[in-house]
């Protein structure tokens, strides 16, 4: 019904309402659809693959998985580029990371 349509629309407009599982993300590990998890946020970086300065494989090898550690060493400017690729959040609490 209309409520289903509206909830789908809301999740596209507000990624924080689009809750995804690791199982869903895991299947997006190809050039046709590449998603990454960073700090419990899910990013669809498919369109960024051909633009990445280090080449597509540097991202594809992490496709469908958590890339928080690799994301962390990028500059703030590079990290800010990702905002437009944010599509959802992971359905689990963020793990405690001890450095």
PDB file of N, CA and C in Angstrom:
ATOM      1  N   UNK A   1       0.802  -1.181   0.000  1.00  0.00           N
ATOM      2  CA  UNK A   1       0.000   0.000   0.000  1.00  0.00           C
ATOM      3  C   UNK A   1       0.852   1.254   0.000  1.00  0.00           C
ATOM      4  N   UNK A   2       0.233   2.345   0.234  1.00  0.00           N
ATOM      5  CA  UNK A   2       0.901   3.647   0.209  1.00  0.00           C
ATOM      6  C   UNK A   2       1.983   3.751   1.281  1.00  0.00           C
ATOM      7  N   UNK A   3       1.747   3.160   2.455  1.00  0.00           N
ATOM      8  CA  UNK A   3       2.747   3.260   3.516  1.00  0.00           C
ATOM      9  C   UNK A   3       4.043   2.560   3.104  1.00  0.00           C
ATOM     10  N   UNK A   4       3.939   1.437   2.374  1.00  0.00           N
ATOM     11  CA  UNK A   4       5.130   0.736   1.899  1.00  0.00           C
ATOM     12  C   UNK A   4       5.902   1.623   0.913  1.00  0.00           C
ATOM     13  N   UNK A   5       5.176   2.246  -0.001  1.00  0.00           N
ATOM     14  CA  UNK A   5       5.803   3.135  -0.979  1.00  0.00           C
ATOM     15  C   UNK A   5       6.496   4.281  -0.262  1.00  0.00           C
ATOM     16  N   UNK A   6       5.844   4.869   0.710  1.00  0.00           N
ATOM     17  CA  UNK A   6       6.427   5.996   1.440  1.00  0.00           C
ATOM     18  C   UNK A   6       7.653   5.563   2.237  1.00  0.00           C
ATOM     19  N   UNK A   7       7.614   4.382   2.846  1.00  0.00           N
ATOM     20  CA  UNK A   7       8.774   3.945   3.627  1.00  0.00           C
ATOM     21  C   UNK A   7       9.955   3.694   2.699  1.00  0.00           C
ATOM     22  N   UNK A   8       9.719   3.169   1.502  1.00  0.00           N
ATOM     23  CA  UNK A   8      10.788   2.990   0.529  1.00  0.00           C
ATOM     24  C   UNK A   8      11.355   4.321   0.089  1.00  0.00           C
ATOM     25  N   UNK A   9      10.502   5.289  -0.095  1.00  0.00           N
ATOM     26  CA  UNK A   9      10.932   6.627  -0.492  1.00  0.00           C
ATOM     27  C   UNK A   9      11.760   7.267   0.609  1.00  0.00           C
ATOM     28  N   UNK A  10      11.317   7.113   1.847  1.00  0.00           N
ATOM     29  CA  UNK A  10      12.063   7.683   2.976  1.00  0.00           C
ATOM     30  C   UNK A  10      13.460   7.094   3.085  1.00  0.00           C
ATOM     31  N   UNK A  11      13.600   5.779   2.850  1.00  0.00           N
ATOM     32  CA  UNK A  11      14.913   5.165   2.994  1.00  0.00           C
ATOM     33  C   UNK A  11      15.861   5.631   1.894  1.00  0.00           C
ATOM     34  N   UNK A  12      15.320   5.993   0.723  1.00  0.00           N
ATOM     35  CA  UNK A  12      16.188   6.518  -0.330  1.00  0.00           C
ATOM     36  C   UNK A  12      16.603   7.951  -0.027  1.00  0.00           C
ATOM     37  N   UNK A  13      15.730   8.696   0.613  1.00  0.00           N
ATOM     38  CA  UNK A  13      16.043  10.080   0.943  1.00  0.00           C
ATOM     39  C   UNK A  13      16.899  10.175   2.197  1.00  0.00           C
ATOM     40  N   UNK A  14      16.725   9.254   3.114  1.00  0.00           N
ATOM     41  CA  UNK A  14      17.452   9.261   4.382  1.00  0.00           C
ATOM     42  C   UNK A  14      18.082   7.888   4.598  1.00  0.00           C
ATOM     43  N   UNK A  15      19.361   7.721   4.242  1.00  0.00           N
ATOM     44  CA  UNK A  15      20.006   6.413   4.378  1.00  0.00           C
ATOM     45  C   UNK A  15      19.974   5.842   5.788  1.00  0.00           C
ATOM     46  N   UNK A  16      19.837   6.695   6.809  1.00  0.00           N
ATOM     47  CA  UNK A  16      19.814   6.187   8.183  1.00  0.00           C
ATOM     48  C   UNK A  16      18.567   5.353   8.454  1.00  0.00           C
ATOM     49  N   UNK A  17      17.572   5.421   7.585  1.00  0.00           N
ATOM     50  CA  UNK A  17      16.354   4.625   7.742  1.00  0.00           C
ATOM     51  C   UNK A  17      16.390   3.341   6.908  1.00  0.00           C
ATOM     52  N   UNK A  18      17.433   3.171   6.099  1.00  0.00           N
ATOM     53  CA  UNK A  18      17.577   1.989   5.254  1.00  0.00           C
ATOM     54  C   UNK A  18      18.500   0.996   5.961  1.00  0.00           C
ATOM     55  N   UNK A  19      17.915   0.036   6.675  1.00  0.00           N
ATOM     56  CA  UNK A  19      18.679  -0.913   7.482  1.00  0.00           C
ATOM     57  C   UNK A  19      18.979  -2.160   6.649  1.00  0.00           C
ATOM     58  N   UNK A  20      20.267  -2.500   6.569  1.00  0.00           N
ATOM     59  CA  UNK A  20      20.728  -3.632   5.766  1.00  0.00           C
ATOM     60  C   UNK A  20      21.465  -4.633   6.641  1.00  0.00           C
ATOM     61  N   UNK A  21      21.462  -5.887   6.217  1.00  0.00           N
ATOM     62  CA  UNK A  21      22.196  -6.930   6.947  1.00  0.00           C
ATOM     63  C   UNK A  21      23.530  -7.192   6.259  1.00  0.00           C
ATOM     64  N   UNK A  22      24.458  -7.785   6.999  1.00  0.00           N
ATOM     65  CA  UNK A  22      25.740  -8.174   6.405  1.00  0.00           C
ATOM     66  C   UNK A  22      25.510  -9.146   5.250  1.00  0.00           C
ATOM     67  N   UNK A  23      24.510  -9.990   5.395  1.00  0.00           N
ATOM     68  CA  UNK A  23      24.184 -10.961   4.352  1.00  0.00           C
ATOM     69  C   UNK A  23      23.780 -10.248   3.058  1.00  0.00           C
ATOM     70  N   UNK A  24      22.991  -9.182   3.168  1.00  0.00           N
ATOM     71  CA  UNK A  24      22.594  -8.402   1.993  1.00  0.00           C
ATOM     72  C   UNK A  24      23.799  -7.721   1.351  1.00  0.00           C
ATOM     73  N   UNK A  25      24.655  -7.159   2.170  1.00  0.00           N
ATOM     74  CA  UNK A  25      25.821  -6.426   1.672  1.00  0.00           C
ATOM     75  C   UNK A  25      26.815  -7.376   1.012  1.00  0.00           C
ATOM     76  N   UNK A  26      26.963  -8.558   1.573  1.00  0.00           N
ATOM     77  CA  UNK A  26      27.949  -9.534   1.121  1.00  0.00           C
ATOM     78  C   UNK A  26      27.837  -9.844  -0.382  1.00  0.00           C
ATOM     79  N   UNK A  27      26.635  -9.826  -0.912  1.00  0.00           N
ATOM     80  CA  UNK A  27      26.431 -10.155  -2.317  1.00  0.00           C
ATOM     81  C   UNK A  27      26.828  -9.062  -3.291  1.00  0.00           C
ATOM     82  N   UNK A  28      27.180  -7.899  -2.793  1.00  0.00           N
ATOM     83  CA  UNK A  28      27.531  -6.760  -3.653  1.00  0.00           C
ATOM     84  C   UNK A  28      29.054  -6.607  -3.697  1.00  0.00           C
ATOM     85  N   UNK A  29      29.687  -7.486  -4.471  1.00  0.00           N
ATOM     86  CA  UNK A  29      31.150  -7.525  -4.494  1.00  0.00           C
ATOM     87  C   UNK A  29      31.712  -7.622  -5.914  1.00  0.00           C
ATOM     88  N   UNK A  30      31.003  -7.005  -6.871  1.00  0.00           N
ATOM     89  CA  UNK A  30      31.426  -7.054  -8.265  1.00  0.00           C
ATOM     90  C   UNK A  30      31.494  -5.647  -8.858  1.00  0.00           C
ATOM     91  N   UNK A  31      32.021  -5.546 -10.072  1.00  0.00           N
ATOM     92  CA  UNK A  31      32.075  -4.267 -10.775  1.00  0.00           C
ATOM     93  C   UNK A  31      30.669  -3.743 -11.065  1.00  0.00           C
ATOM     94  N   UNK A  32      29.704  -4.646 -11.162  1.00  0.00           N
ATOM     95  CA  UNK A  32      28.327  -4.253 -11.446  1.00  0.00           C
ATOM     96  C   UNK A  32      27.613  -3.714 -10.214  1.00  0.00           C
ATOM     97  N   UNK A  33      28.049  -4.133  -9.030  1.00  0.00           N
ATOM     98  CA  UNK A  33      27.438  -3.679  -7.781  1.00  0.00           C
ATOM     99  C   UNK A  33      28.430  -3.903  -6.639  1.00  0.00           C
ATOM    100  N   UNK A  34      29.020  -2.820  -6.174  1.00  0.00           N
ATOM    101  CA  UNK A  34      30.040  -2.916  -5.130  1.00  0.00           C
ATOM    102  C   UNK A  34      29.644  -2.053  -3.936  1.00  0.00           C
ATOM    103  N   UNK A  35      29.359  -2.734  -2.817  1.00  0.00           N
ATOM    104  CA  UNK A  35      29.008  -2.049  -1.581  1.00  0.00           C
ATOM    105  C   UNK A  35      30.092  -2.309  -0.548  1.00  0.00           C
ATOM    106  N   UNK A  36      30.313  -1.315   0.310  1.00  0.00           N
ATOM    107  CA  UNK A  36      31.273  -1.447   1.397  1.00  0.00           C
ATOM    108  C   UNK A  36      30.628  -1.004   2.703  1.00  0.00           C
ATOM    109  N   UNK A  37      31.099  -1.576   3.799  1.00  0.00           N
ATOM    110  CA  UNK A  37      30.680  -1.164   5.140  1.00  0.00           C
ATOM    111  C   UNK A  37      31.826  -0.369   5.745  1.00  0.00           C
ATOM    112  N   UNK A  38      31.515   0.817   6.258  1.00  0.00           N
ATOM    113  CA  UNK A  38      32.495   1.638   6.969  1.00  0.00           C
ATOM    114  C   UNK A  38      31.799   2.207   8.194  1.00  0.00           C
ATOM    115  N   UNK A  39      32.301   1.829   9.377  1.00  0.00           N
ATOM    116  CA  UNK A  39      31.728   2.290  10.646  1.00  0.00           C
ATOM    117  C   UNK A  39      30.211   2.087  10.677  1.00  0.00           C
ATOM    118  N   UNK A  40      29.776   0.899  10.272  1.00  0.00           N
ATOM    119  CA  UNK A  40      28.375   0.465  10.291  1.00  0.00           C
ATOM    120  C   UNK A  40      27.469   1.220   9.323  1.00  0.00           C
ATOM    121  N   UNK A  41      28.057   1.994   8.419  1.00  0.00           N
ATOM    122  CA  UNK A  41      27.293   2.605   7.336  1.00  0.00           C
ATOM    123  C   UNK A  41      27.605   1.819   6.065  1.00  0.00           C
ATOM    124  N   UNK A  42      26.614   1.705   5.196  1.00  0.00           N
ATOM    125  CA  UNK A  42      26.792   0.968   3.943  1.00  0.00           C
ATOM    126  C   UNK A  42      26.861   1.974   2.795  1.00  0.00           C
ATOM    127  N   UNK A  43      27.857   1.791   1.942  1.00  0.00           N
ATOM    128  CA  UNK A  43      28.077   2.678   0.810  1.00  0.00           C
ATOM    129  C   UNK A  43      28.027   1.880  -0.491  1.00  0.00           C
ATOM    130  N   UNK A  44      27.331   2.408  -1.489  1.00  0.00           N
ATOM    131  CA  UNK A  44      27.338   1.828  -2.831  1.00  0.00           C
ATOM    132  C   UNK A  44      28.371   2.610  -3.630  1.00  0.00           C
ATOM    133  N   UNK A  45      29.554   2.029  -3.772  1.00  0.00           N
ATOM    134  CA  UNK A  45      30.670   2.724  -4.426  1.00  0.00           C
ATOM    135  C   UNK A  45      30.871   2.269  -5.876  1.00  0.00           C
ATOM    136  N   UNK A  46      29.866   1.611  -6.431  1.00  0.00           N
ATOM    137  CA  UNK A  46      29.971   1.083  -7.795  1.00  0.00           C
ATOM    138  C   UNK A  46      30.415   2.151  -8.785  1.00  0.00           C
ATOM    139  N   UNK A  47      29.791   3.308  -8.742  1.00  0.00           N
ATOM    140  CA  UNK A  47      30.122   4.345  -9.717  1.00  0.00           C
ATOM    141  C   UNK A  47      31.489   4.986  -9.457  1.00  0.00           C
ATOM    142  N   UNK A  48      32.051   4.775  -8.274  1.00  0.00           N
ATOM    143  CA  UNK A  48      33.364   5.329  -7.936  1.00  0.00           C
ATOM    144  C   UNK A  48      34.503   4.417  -8.410  1.00  0.00           C
ATOM    145  N   UNK A  49      34.211   3.147  -8.653  1.00  0.00           N
ATOM    146  CA  UNK A  49      35.258   2.182  -9.007  1.00  0.00           C
ATOM    147  C   UNK A  49      36.197   2.684 -10.104  1.00  0.00           C
ATOM    148  N   UNK A  50      35.690   3.111 -11.262  1.00  0.00           N
ATOM    149  CA  UNK A  50      36.617   3.529 -12.325  1.00  0.00           C
ATOM    150  C   UNK A  50      37.352   4.839 -12.024  1.00  0.00           C
ATOM    151  N   UNK A  51      36.925   5.567 -11.000  1.00  0.00           N
ATOM    152  CA  UNK A  51      37.532   6.858 -10.667  1.00  0.00           C
ATOM    153  C   UNK A  51      38.612   6.754  -9.588  1.00  0.00           C
ATOM    154  N   UNK A  52      38.660   5.632  -8.873  1.00  0.00           N
ATOM    155  CA  UNK A  52      39.575   5.509  -7.741  1.00  0.00           C
ATOM    156  C   UNK A  52      41.025   5.598  -8.214  1.00  0.00           C
ATOM    157  N   UNK A  53      41.810   6.507  -7.615  1.00  0.00           N
ATOM    158  CA  UNK A  53      43.200   6.711  -8.053  1.00  0.00           C
ATOM    159  C   UNK A  53      44.064   5.451  -8.021  1.00  0.00           C
ATOM    160  N   UNK A  54      43.802   4.540  -7.102  1.00  0.00           N
ATOM    161  CA  UNK A  54      44.611   3.314  -6.993  1.00  0.00           C
ATOM    162  C   UNK A  54      44.034   2.170  -7.818  1.00  0.00           C
ATOM    163  N   UNK A  55      42.982   2.438  -8.562  1.00  0.00           N
ATOM    164  CA  UNK A  55      42.384   1.412  -9.416  1.00  0.00           C
ATOM    165  C   UNK A  55      41.215   0.689  -8.771  1.00  0.00           C
ATOM    166  N   UNK A  56      40.421   0.047  -9.611  1.00  0.00           N
ATOM    167  CA  UNK A  56      39.207  -0.631  -9.159  1.00  0.00           C
ATOM    168  C   UNK A  56      39.475  -1.754  -8.169  1.00  0.00           C
ATOM    169  N   UNK A  57      40.541  -2.510  -8.400  1.00  0.00           N
ATOM    170  CA  UNK A  57      40.794  -3.674  -7.548  1.00  0.00           C
ATOM    171  C   UNK A  57      41.062  -3.307  -6.097  1.00  0.00           C
ATOM    172  N   UNK A  58      41.562  -2.099  -5.859  1.00  0.00           N
ATOM    173  CA  UNK A  58      41.816  -1.691  -4.473  1.00  0.00           C
ATOM    174  C   UNK A  58      40.504  -1.598  -3.684  1.00  0.00           C
ATOM    175  N   UNK A  59      39.405  -1.352  -4.382  1.00  0.00           N
ATOM    176  CA  UNK A  59      38.087  -1.329  -3.728  1.00  0.00           C
ATOM    177  C   UNK A  59      37.419  -2.698  -3.850  1.00  0.00           C
ATOM    178  N   UNK A  60      37.470  -3.286  -5.031  1.00  0.00           N
ATOM    179  CA  UNK A  60      36.768  -4.549  -5.273  1.00  0.00           C
ATOM    180  C   UNK A  60      37.197  -5.659  -4.318  1.00  0.00           C
ATOM    181  N   UNK A  61      38.449  -5.667  -3.912  1.00  0.00           N
ATOM    182  CA  UNK A  61      38.900  -6.738  -3.007  1.00  0.00           C
ATOM    183  C   UNK A  61      38.194  -6.667  -1.654  1.00  0.00           C
ATOM    184  N   UNK A  62      37.575  -5.530  -1.352  1.00  0.00           N
ATOM    185  CA  UNK A  62      36.826  -5.379  -0.105  1.00  0.00           C
ATOM    186  C   UNK A  62      35.312  -5.398  -0.346  1.00  0.00           C
ATOM    187  N   UNK A  63      34.903  -5.540  -1.600  1.00  0.00           N
ATOM    188  CA  UNK A  63      33.480  -5.491  -1.932  1.00  0.00           C
ATOM    189  C   UNK A  63      32.649  -6.433  -1.074  1.00  0.00           C
ATOM    190  N   UNK A  64      31.546  -5.923  -0.555  1.00  0.00           N
ATOM    191  CA  UNK A  64      30.647  -6.728   0.260  1.00  0.00           C
ATOM    192  C   UNK A  64      31.113  -6.949   1.683  1.00  0.00           C
ATOM    193  N   UNK A  65      32.198  -6.290   2.092  1.00  0.00           N
ATOM    194  CA  UNK A  65      32.744  -6.513   3.440  1.00  0.00           C
ATOM    195  C   UNK A  65      32.959  -5.186   4.164  1.00  0.00           C
ATOM    196  N   UNK A  66      33.486  -5.300   5.377  1.00  0.00           N
ATOM    197  CA  UNK A  66      33.784  -4.117   6.189  1.00  0.00           C
ATOM    198  C   UNK A  66      35.152  -3.570   5.793  1.00  0.00           C
ATOM    199  N   UNK A  67      35.168  -2.324   5.342  1.00  0.00           N
ATOM    200  CA  UNK A  67      36.408  -1.677   4.893  1.00  0.00           C
ATOM    201  C   UNK A  67      36.792  -0.512   5.798  1.00  0.00           C
ATOM    202  N   UNK A  68      36.334  -0.544   7.055  1.00  0.00           N
ATOM    203  CA  UNK A  68      36.580   0.560   7.977  1.00  0.00           C
ATOM    204  C   UNK A  68      38.063   0.861   8.132  1.00  0.00           C
ATOM    205  N   UNK A  69      38.886  -0.171   8.298  1.00  0.00           N
ATOM    206  CA  UNK A  69      40.321   0.034   8.518  1.00  0.00           C
ATOM    207  C   UNK A  69      40.952   0.712   7.308  1.00  0.00           C
ATOM    208  N   UNK A  70      40.637   0.232   6.106  1.00  0.00           N
ATOM    209  CA  UNK A  70      41.216   0.816   4.895  1.00  0.00           C
ATOM    210  C   UNK A  70      40.703   2.226   4.648  1.00  0.00           C
ATOM    211  N   UNK A  71      39.456   2.465   4.987  1.00  0.00           N
ATOM    212  CA  UNK A  71      38.877   3.786   4.819  1.00  0.00           C
ATOM    213  C   UNK A  71      39.568   4.798   5.723  1.00  0.00           C
ATOM    214  N   UNK A  72      39.940   4.353   6.909  1.00  0.00           N
ATOM    215  CA  UNK A  72      40.510   5.233   7.920  1.00  0.00           C
ATOM    216  C   UNK A  72      41.806   5.914   7.535  1.00  0.00           C
ATOM    217  N   UNK A  73      42.596   5.304   6.667  1.00  0.00           N
ATOM    218  CA  UNK A  73      43.872   5.944   6.328  1.00  0.00           C
ATOM    219  C   UNK A  73      43.750   6.963   5.195  1.00  0.00           C
ATOM    220  N   UNK A  74      42.561   7.114   4.627  1.00  0.00           N
ATOM    221  CA  UNK A  74      42.345   8.123   3.590  1.00  0.00           C
ATOM    222  C   UNK A  74      42.239   9.522   4.211  1.00  0.00           C
ATOM    223  N   UNK A  75      42.544  10.520   3.428  1.00  0.00           N
ATOM    224  CA  UNK A  75      42.457  11.904   3.900  1.00  0.00           C
ATOM    225  C   UNK A  75      41.004  12.265   4.202  1.00  0.00           C
ATOM    226  N   UNK A  76      40.820  13.314   4.978  1.00  0.00           N
ATOM    227  CA  UNK A  76      39.465  13.786   5.288  1.00  0.00           C
ATOM    228  C   UNK A  76      38.733  14.150   3.995  1.00  0.00           C
ATOM    229  N   UNK A  77      39.455  14.752   3.069  1.00  0.00           N
ATOM    230  CA  UNK A  77      38.860  15.136   1.778  1.00  0.00           C
ATOM    231  C   UNK A  77      38.346  13.895   1.037  1.00  0.00           C
ATOM    232  N   UNK A  78      39.157  12.845   1.010  1.00  0.00           N
ATOM    233  CA  UNK A  78      38.744  11.608   0.352  1.00  0.00           C
ATOM    234  C   UNK A  78      37.545  10.987   1.077  1.00  0.00           C
ATOM    235  N   UNK A  79      37.567  11.002   2.395  1.00  0.00           N
ATOM    236  CA  UNK A  79      36.455  10.443   3.167  1.00  0.00           C
ATOM    237  C   UNK A  79      35.170  11.216   2.905  1.00  0.00           C
ATOM    238  N   UNK A  80      35.275  12.522   2.749  1.00  0.00           N
ATOM    239  CA  UNK A  80      34.080  13.334   2.484  1.00  0.00           C
ATOM    240  C   UNK A  80      33.448  13.019   1.135  1.00  0.00           C
ATOM    241  N   UNK A  81      34.245  12.536   0.192  1.00  0.00           N
ATOM    242  CA  UNK A  81      33.710  12.155  -1.116  1.00  0.00           C
ATOM    243  C   UNK A  81      32.681  11.027  -0.998  1.00  0.00           C
ATOM    244  N   UNK A  82      32.812  10.226   0.041  1.00  0.00           N
ATOM    245  CA  UNK A  82      31.951   9.055   0.198  1.00  0.00           C
ATOM    246  C   UNK A  82      30.530   9.398   0.601  1.00  0.00           C
ATOM    247  N   UNK A  83      30.298  10.568   1.158  1.00  0.00           N
ATOM    248  CA  UNK A  83      28.972  10.918   1.678  1.00  0.00           C
ATOM    249  C   UNK A  83      27.865  10.665   0.666  1.00  0.00           C
ATOM    250  N   UNK A  84      28.115  10.983  -0.588  1.00  0.00           N
ATOM    251  CA  UNK A  84      27.080  10.822  -1.609  1.00  0.00           C
ATOM    252  C   UNK A  84      26.816   9.361  -1.970  1.00  0.00           C
ATOM    253  N   UNK A  85      27.667   8.453  -1.525  1.00  0.00           N
ATOM    254  CA  UNK A  85      27.494   7.029  -1.811  1.00  0.00           C
ATOM    255  C   UNK A  85      26.804   6.268  -0.668  1.00  0.00           C
ATOM    256  N   UNK A  86      26.507   6.956   0.421  1.00  0.00           N
ATOM    257  CA  UNK A  86      25.894   6.330   1.595  1.00  0.00           C
ATOM    258  C   UNK A  86      24.468   5.903   1.264  1.00  0.00           C
ATOM    259  N   UNK A  87      24.184   4.612   1.439  1.00  0.00           N
ATOM    260  CA  UNK A  87      22.848   4.091   1.102  1.00  0.00           C
ATOM    261  C   UNK A  87      22.105   3.476   2.281  1.00  0.00           C
ATOM    262  N   UNK A  88      22.781   3.224   3.395  1.00  0.00           N
ATOM    263  CA  UNK A  88      22.081   2.600   4.514  1.00  0.00           C
ATOM    264  C   UNK A  88      22.982   2.367   5.707  1.00  0.00           C
ATOM    265  N   UNK A  89      22.393   1.720   6.721  1.00  0.00           N
ATOM    266  CA  UNK A  89      23.141   1.387   7.931  1.00  0.00           C
ATOM    267  C   UNK A  89      23.053  -0.114   8.173  1.00  0.00           C
ATOM    268  N   UNK A  90      24.032  -0.627   8.890  1.00  0.00           N
ATOM    269  CA  UNK A  90      24.062  -2.040   9.232  1.00  0.00           C
ATOM    270  C   UNK A  90      23.120  -2.298  10.398  1.00  0.00           C
ATOM    271  N   UNK A  91      22.504  -3.460  10.395  1.00  0.00           N
ATOM    272  CA  UNK A  91      21.495  -3.782  11.408  1.00  0.00           C
ATOM    273  C   UNK A  91      22.089  -4.326  12.701  1.00  0.00           C
ATOM    274  N   UNK A  92      23.283  -3.911  13.037  1.00  0.00           N
ATOM    275  CA  UNK A  92      23.896  -4.376  14.279  1.00  0.00           C
ATOM    276  C   UNK A  92      24.661  -3.232  14.918  1.00  0.00           C
ATOM    277  N   UNK A  93      24.864  -3.310  16.215  1.00  0.00           N
ATOM    278  CA  UNK A  93      25.617  -2.237  16.873  1.00  0.00           C
ATOM    279  C   UNK A  93      27.054  -2.225  16.401  1.00  0.00           C
ATOM    280  N   UNK A  94      27.659  -1.046  16.425  1.00  0.00           N
ATOM    281  CA  UNK A  94      29.053  -0.910  16.024  1.00  0.00           C
ATOM    282  C   UNK A  94      29.939  -1.598  17.048  1.00  0.00           C
ATOM    283  N   UNK A  95      30.888  -2.409  16.574  1.00  0.00           N
ATOM    284  CA  UNK A  95      31.776  -3.089  17.535  1.00  0.00           C
ATOM    285  C   UNK A  95      32.723  -2.094  18.200  1.00  0.00           C
ATOM    286  N   UNK A  96      33.152  -2.448  19.373  1.00  0.00           N
ATOM    287  CA  UNK A  96      34.147  -1.651  20.087  1.00  0.00           C
ATOM    288  C   UNK A  96      35.514  -1.969  19.501  1.00  0.00           C
ATOM    289  N   UNK A  97      36.208  -0.957  19.031  1.00  0.00           N
ATOM    290  CA  UNK A  97      37.522  -1.161  18.451  1.00  0.00           C
ATOM    291  C   UNK A  97      38.577  -0.577  19.384  1.00  0.00           C
ATOM    292  N   UNK A  98      39.483  -1.421  19.810  1.00  0.00           N
ATOM    293  CA  UNK A  98      40.556  -0.994  20.710  1.00  0.00           C
ATOM    294  C   UNK A  98      41.811  -0.822  19.874  1.00  0.00           C
ATOM    295  N   UNK A  99      42.365   0.363  19.895  1.00  0.00           N
ATOM    296  CA  UNK A  99      43.558   0.655  19.091  1.00  0.00           C
ATOM    297  C   UNK A  99      44.806   0.574  19.916  1.00  0.00           C
TER     298      UNK A  99
END
